[in-house]
Amino acid sequence: MVPPRYRYEEIAIDLQKRIDGGEFPPGARLPSRRELIEQYEVTEPVIDRAMLILRVKGITETLSGVGVYVREAAEEE
């Protein structure tokens, strides 16, 4: 049996799928925190935790006061 996921994990997975699928290509800015709160119908801390997961995985980078962006793909050797 698969353990239930927390909502922030589900959101991080969904955003990662959207990034991988090309909806948000490298260098693209993700929707604002407010937009994500409305889109997923959750609270600010839930979005913050989802964004932390993406940042720790190296998928996104946060520019303070500017927004969250999809990281450029690492150079393939």
C-alpha atoms as a PDB file:
ATOM      1  CA  MET A   1       0.000   0.000   0.000  1.00  0.00           C
ATOM      2  CA  VAL A   2       1.309   3.450  -0.941  1.00  0.00           C
ATOM      3  CA  PRO A   3       1.290   5.922   1.959  1.00  0.00           C
ATOM      4  CA  PRO A   4      -0.850   9.014   1.434  1.00  0.00           C
ATOM      5  CA  ARG A   5       1.008  12.075   0.191  1.00  0.00           C
ATOM      6  CA  TYR A   6       0.889  15.463   1.788  1.00  0.00           C
ATOM      7  CA  ARG A   7      -0.774  18.144  -0.344  1.00  0.00           C
ATOM      8  CA  TYR A   8       2.515  20.056  -0.721  1.00  0.00           C
ATOM      9  CA  GLU A   9       4.147  16.894  -2.123  1.00  0.00           C
ATOM     10  CA  GLU A  10       1.316  16.490  -4.636  1.00  0.00           C
ATOM     11  CA  ILE A  11       1.725  20.113  -5.738  1.00  0.00           C
ATOM     12  CA  ALA A  12       5.516  19.749  -6.086  1.00  0.00           C
ATOM     13  CA  ILE A  13       5.008  16.608  -8.201  1.00  0.00           C
ATOM     14  CA  ASP A  14       2.392  18.336 -10.347  1.00  0.00           C
ATOM     15  CA  LEU A  15       4.600  21.385 -10.912  1.00  0.00           C
ATOM     16  CA  GLN A  16       7.558  19.139 -11.747  1.00  0.00           C
ATOM     17  CA  LYS A  17       5.420  17.283 -14.319  1.00  0.00           C
ATOM     18  CA  ARG A  18       4.345  20.613 -15.822  1.00  0.00           C
ATOM     19  CA  ILE A  19       7.996  21.724 -16.003  1.00  0.00           C
ATOM     20  CA  ASP A  20       9.110  18.391 -17.499  1.00  0.00           C
ATOM     21  CA  GLY A  21       6.239  18.579 -19.981  1.00  0.00           C
ATOM     22  CA  GLY A  22       7.428  21.949 -21.270  1.00  0.00           C
ATOM     23  CA  GLU A  23       4.670  24.139 -19.845  1.00  0.00           C
ATOM     24  CA  PHE A  24       7.396  26.003 -17.958  1.00  0.00           C
ATOM     25  CA  PRO A  25      10.629  25.707 -19.985  1.00  0.00           C
ATOM     26  CA  PRO A  26      14.088  26.464 -18.550  1.00  0.00           C
ATOM     27  CA  GLY A  27      14.334  30.140 -17.655  1.00  0.00           C
ATOM     28  CA  ALA A  28      10.552  30.522 -17.374  1.00  0.00           C
ATOM     29  CA  ARG A  29       9.023  32.215 -14.359  1.00  0.00           C
ATOM     30  CA  LEU A  30       6.571  30.121 -12.379  1.00  0.00           C
ATOM     31  CA  PRO A  31       3.199  31.605 -11.399  1.00  0.00           C
ATOM     32  CA  SER A  32       3.276  33.834  -8.318  1.00  0.00           C
ATOM     33  CA  ARG A  33       2.597  32.452  -4.866  1.00  0.00           C
ATOM     34  CA  ARG A  34      -0.841  34.107  -4.927  1.00  0.00           C
ATOM     35  CA  GLU A  35      -1.670  32.518  -8.306  1.00  0.00           C
ATOM     36  CA  LEU A  36      -0.559  29.083  -7.078  1.00  0.00           C
ATOM     37  CA  ILE A  37      -2.624  29.455  -3.879  1.00  0.00           C
ATOM     38  CA  GLU A  38      -5.702  30.173  -5.994  1.00  0.00           C
ATOM     39  CA  GLN A  39      -4.912  27.479  -8.565  1.00  0.00           C
ATOM     40  CA  TYR A  40      -4.372  24.684  -6.022  1.00  0.00           C
ATOM     41  CA  GLU A  41      -6.809  26.057  -3.419  1.00  0.00           C
ATOM     42  CA  VAL A  42      -4.336  25.774  -0.546  1.00  0.00           C
ATOM     43  CA  THR A  43      -2.686  28.058   2.006  1.00  0.00           C
ATOM     44  CA  GLU A  44       0.588  29.949   1.649  1.00  0.00           C
ATOM     45  CA  PRO A  45       2.647  27.527   3.802  1.00  0.00           C
ATOM     46  CA  VAL A  46       1.599  24.630   1.560  1.00  0.00           C
ATOM     47  CA  ILE A  47       2.865  26.458  -1.546  1.00  0.00           C
ATOM     48  CA  ASP A  48       6.053  27.477   0.278  1.00  0.00           C
ATOM     49  CA  ARG A  49       6.813  23.841   1.142  1.00  0.00           C
ATOM     50  CA  ALA A  50       6.116  22.692  -2.428  1.00  0.00           C
ATOM     51  CA  MET A  51       8.473  25.377  -3.744  1.00  0.00           C
ATOM     52  CA  LEU A  52      11.120  24.339  -1.230  1.00  0.00           C
ATOM     53  CA  ILE A  53      10.998  20.771  -2.583  1.00  0.00           C
ATOM     54  CA  LEU A  54      11.530  22.007  -6.144  1.00  0.00           C
ATOM     55  CA  ARG A  55      14.396  24.262  -5.046  1.00  0.00           C
ATOM     56  CA  VAL A  56      16.123  21.486  -3.059  1.00  0.00           C
ATOM     57  CA  LYS A  57      15.832  19.161  -6.070  1.00  0.00           C
ATOM     58  CA  GLY A  58      17.585  21.810  -8.152  1.00  0.00           C
ATOM     59  CA  ILE A  59      14.590  22.273 -10.462  1.00  0.00           C
ATOM     60  CA  THR A  60      13.945  25.919  -9.634  1.00  0.00           C
ATOM     61  CA  GLU A  61      15.793  28.904  -8.280  1.00  0.00           C
ATOM     62  CA  THR A  62      14.336  31.807  -6.368  1.00  0.00           C
ATOM     63  CA  LEU A  63      15.372  35.368  -7.097  1.00  0.00           C
ATOM     64  CA  SER A  64      14.466  37.327  -3.997  1.00  0.00           C
ATOM     65  CA  GLY A  65      11.736  39.844  -4.683  1.00  0.00           C
ATOM     66  CA  VAL A  66      11.547  38.803  -8.337  1.00  0.00           C
ATOM     67  CA  GLY A  67      10.096  35.298  -8.492  1.00  0.00           C
ATOM     68  CA  VAL A  68      10.757  31.605  -8.909  1.00  0.00           C
ATOM     69  CA  TYR A  69      12.302  30.443 -12.157  1.00  0.00           C
ATOM     70  CA  VAL A  70      12.929  27.076 -13.766  1.00  0.00           C
ATOM     71  CA  ARG A  71      16.656  26.436 -13.708  1.00  0.00           C
ATOM     72  CA  GLU A  72      18.476  26.147 -16.979  1.00  0.00           C
ATOM     73  CA  ALA A  73      19.300  22.526 -17.790  1.00  0.00           C
ATOM     74  CA  ALA A  74      22.814  21.457 -16.881  1.00  0.00           C
ATOM     75  CA  GLU A  75      25.184  21.159 -19.813  1.00  0.00           C
ATOM     76  CA  GLU A  76      25.159  17.597 -21.176  1.00  0.00           C
ATOM     77  CA  GLU A  77      28.579  16.083 -21.729  1.00  0.00           C
END
